[in-house]
């Protein structure tokens, strides 16, 4: 059994209760299921299979158990640990108050972008495989980085802070 993390798009305590989400993953046949924080992060064990089939299985189980599904992006926990150990932000000399975020895509983007891309203090710094590394400095304008990410990659993505990815990978 391998350990995986599922990152669900647009989950909050208002639209999904974590105990019910856990039960949906268990009903799908996943084992040792744990939710991390209340924002759609699920860690679980499963037999080795393609990432696409695990994502589909999770989405189908949510639909059946919760009556709705959330876009699900799965990564092996080992890959998350490697991502964290590589610290892709180190080369950029970010300001101390910069927030680091990782955007997960289901597939590697088919287009190459001329990076960095900046908008109102939010910057897409690096694309590596199917992960996008961004940083932003908090401002009164709010979550400008999400506008930049969605404008660049669309809405079939999900984003987590570096701190959340760290908690999920433990």
Protein backbone atom coordinates (compact mmCIF):
# COMPACT_ATOMS: atom_id res chain seq x y z
CA UNK A 1 0.00 0.00 0.00
CA UNK A 2 1.25 3.45 -0.92
CA UNK A 3 0.47 6.66 0.90
CA UNK A 4 -1.25 9.40 -1.13
CA UNK A 5 -2.56 12.91 -0.58
CA UNK A 6 -5.66 14.22 -2.27
CA UNK A 7 -6.05 17.97 -2.65
CA UNK A 8 -9.68 18.91 -3.31
CA UNK A 9 -10.60 22.17 -4.99
CA UNK A 10 -12.99 24.61 -3.31
CA UNK A 11 -13.61 22.67 -0.10
CA UNK A 12 -14.42 24.53 3.09
CA UNK A 13 -16.22 23.65 6.32
CA UNK A 14 -19.29 25.32 4.80
CA UNK A 15 -19.62 22.89 1.88
CA UNK A 16 -18.05 19.66 3.18
CA UNK A 17 -17.75 18.21 6.65
CA UNK A 18 -14.42 16.48 7.19
CA UNK A 19 -15.89 13.38 8.92
CA UNK A 20 -18.19 12.84 5.92
CA UNK A 21 -15.32 13.38 3.50
CA UNK A 22 -13.30 10.79 5.42
CA UNK A 23 -16.20 8.32 5.20
CA UNK A 24 -16.46 8.88 1.44
CA UNK A 25 -12.78 8.01 0.98
CA UNK A 26 -13.17 4.94 3.20
CA UNK A 27 -16.22 3.85 1.17
CA UNK A 28 -14.01 4.06 -1.93
CA UNK A 29 -11.79 1.39 -0.37
CA UNK A 30 -8.96 3.66 0.73
CA UNK A 31 -7.37 2.86 4.10
CA UNK A 32 -5.94 4.80 7.03
CA UNK A 33 -7.81 7.91 5.85
CA UNK A 34 -7.09 11.21 7.59
CA UNK A 35 -8.20 14.73 6.78
CA UNK A 36 -5.71 17.54 7.34
CA UNK A 37 -7.09 20.94 8.28
CA UNK A 38 -10.62 21.70 7.09
CA UNK A 39 -9.81 22.70 3.54
CA UNK A 40 -10.02 19.51 1.49
CA UNK A 41 -6.76 17.71 2.20
CA UNK A 42 -7.08 13.94 2.58
CA UNK A 43 -4.20 11.55 3.24
CA UNK A 44 -4.80 7.84 2.70
CA UNK A 45 -3.31 4.50 1.73
CA UNK A 46 -4.20 2.66 -1.46
CA UNK A 47 -2.91 -0.11 -3.63
CA UNK A 48 -0.59 1.14 -6.34
CA UNK A 49 -2.66 2.39 -9.28
CA UNK A 50 -2.55 5.21 -11.77
CA UNK A 51 -3.06 8.65 -10.28
CA UNK A 52 -5.93 9.23 -12.73
CA UNK A 53 -7.79 6.13 -11.54
CA UNK A 54 -7.33 7.09 -7.87
CA UNK A 55 -8.66 10.61 -8.61
CA UNK A 56 -11.68 9.17 -10.45
CA UNK A 57 -12.38 6.69 -7.65
CA UNK A 58 -12.27 9.47 -5.03
CA UNK A 59 -14.54 11.78 -7.05
CA UNK A 60 -17.07 8.97 -7.66
CA UNK A 61 -17.11 8.10 -3.95
CA UNK A 62 -17.71 11.74 -2.98
CA UNK A 63 -20.55 12.00 -5.48
CA UNK A 64 -22.16 8.85 -4.09
CA UNK A 65 -21.63 9.64 -0.39
CA UNK A 66 -21.93 13.45 -0.34
CA UNK A 67 -24.13 14.04 -3.36
CA UNK A 68 -21.41 16.23 -4.86
CA UNK A 69 -17.85 15.92 -5.97
CA UNK A 70 -14.82 18.19 -5.83
CA UNK A 71 -12.02 18.35 -8.36
CA UNK A 72 -9.43 15.99 -6.87
CA UNK A 73 -5.71 16.14 -7.51
CA UNK A 74 -3.66 13.29 -6.03
CA UNK A 75 0.05 13.09 -5.31
CA UNK A 76 2.09 10.34 -3.65
CA UNK A 77 3.17 11.54 -0.19
CA UNK A 78 6.78 10.63 -1.07
CA UNK A 79 6.66 13.04 -4.02
CA UNK A 80 5.41 15.80 -1.72
CA UNK A 81 8.30 15.19 0.65
CA UNK A 82 10.75 15.44 -2.28
CA UNK A 83 9.07 18.67 -3.40
CA UNK A 84 9.45 20.15 0.10
CA UNK A 85 13.09 19.05 0.41
CA UNK A 86 13.96 20.70 -2.91
CA UNK A 87 12.77 24.14 -1.66
CA UNK A 88 12.25 25.70 -5.10
CA UNK A 89 11.77 29.14 -3.53
CA UNK A 90 15.32 29.39 -2.21
CA UNK A 91 16.71 30.69 -5.51
CA UNK A 92 14.28 33.62 -5.64
CA UNK A 93 15.26 35.62 -2.56
CA UNK A 94 11.69 36.33 -1.52
CA UNK A 95 10.86 39.05 1.00
CA UNK A 96 10.41 37.80 4.58
CA UNK A 97 6.67 38.49 4.51
CA UNK A 98 6.08 36.68 1.22
CA UNK A 99 3.64 33.77 1.32
CA UNK A 100 4.65 30.72 -0.70
CA UNK A 101 1.97 28.72 -2.50
CA UNK A 102 1.98 25.57 -4.61
CA UNK A 103 -0.63 25.08 -7.30
CA UNK A 104 -1.33 21.49 -8.29
CA UNK A 105 -2.47 20.65 -11.81
CA UNK A 106 -3.68 17.28 -13.00
CA UNK A 107 -1.22 17.32 -15.90
CA UNK A 108 1.86 19.20 -16.92
CA UNK A 109 0.87 22.35 -18.84
CA UNK A 110 1.18 21.98 -22.59
CA UNK A 111 2.49 25.51 -23.06
CA UNK A 112 5.72 27.03 -21.90
CA UNK A 113 5.36 30.34 -20.16
CA UNK A 114 7.83 33.17 -19.93
CA UNK A 115 8.28 33.32 -16.16
CA UNK A 116 8.09 35.06 -13.80
CA UNK A 117 4.60 36.47 -14.32
CA UNK A 118 3.65 39.23 -11.86
CA UNK A 119 0.38 40.94 -10.97
CA UNK A 120 -0.21 43.27 -8.01
CA UNK A 121 2.44 41.69 -5.76
CA UNK A 122 1.68 38.09 -6.74
CA UNK A 123 4.26 36.25 -8.85
CA UNK A 124 4.27 32.90 -10.61
CA UNK A 125 7.92 31.98 -10.21
CA UNK A 126 8.40 28.46 -11.51
CA UNK A 127 6.69 25.55 -13.25
CA UNK A 128 8.07 22.13 -12.44
CA UNK A 129 6.17 19.17 -13.81
CA UNK A 130 2.54 19.62 -12.84
CA UNK A 131 3.25 21.98 -9.95
CA UNK A 132 3.35 25.75 -10.10
CA UNK A 133 5.29 27.70 -7.48
CA UNK A 134 4.10 31.20 -6.67
CA UNK A 135 4.57 33.80 -3.99
CA UNK A 136 2.69 36.87 -2.92
CA UNK A 137 2.95 39.62 -0.38
CA UNK A 138 -0.34 40.03 1.50
CA UNK A 139 -2.11 43.25 0.60
CA UNK A 140 -5.48 44.94 1.03
CA UNK A 141 -6.39 43.68 -2.47
CA UNK A 142 -6.86 40.17 -1.05
CA UNK A 143 -5.99 36.90 -2.77
CA UNK A 144 -4.63 38.39 -5.99
CA UNK A 145 -2.46 35.31 -6.50
CA UNK A 146 -5.59 33.19 -7.15
CA UNK A 147 -6.71 35.59 -9.87
CA UNK A 148 -3.27 35.38 -11.47
CA UNK A 149 -3.18 31.56 -11.27
CA UNK A 150 -6.68 31.11 -12.66
CA UNK A 151 -6.06 33.65 -15.42
CA UNK A 152 -2.91 31.74 -16.39
CA UNK A 153 -3.96 28.09 -15.86
CA UNK A 154 -7.76 28.05 -15.62
CA UNK A 155 -9.86 26.74 -12.75
CA UNK A 156 -9.01 23.02 -12.98
CA UNK A 157 -6.29 23.52 -10.36
CA UNK A 158 -6.01 23.64 -6.60
CA UNK A 159 -3.60 25.69 -4.53
CA UNK A 160 -2.12 25.19 -1.06
CA UNK A 161 0.24 27.20 1.07
CA UNK A 162 3.72 25.80 1.63
CA UNK A 163 2.77 25.29 5.29
CA UNK A 164 -0.28 23.20 4.35
CA UNK A 165 1.75 21.03 1.98
CA UNK A 166 4.23 20.51 4.84
CA UNK A 167 1.43 19.38 7.19
CA UNK A 168 -0.04 17.04 4.59
CA UNK A 169 3.34 15.42 3.85
CA UNK A 170 4.05 14.55 7.52
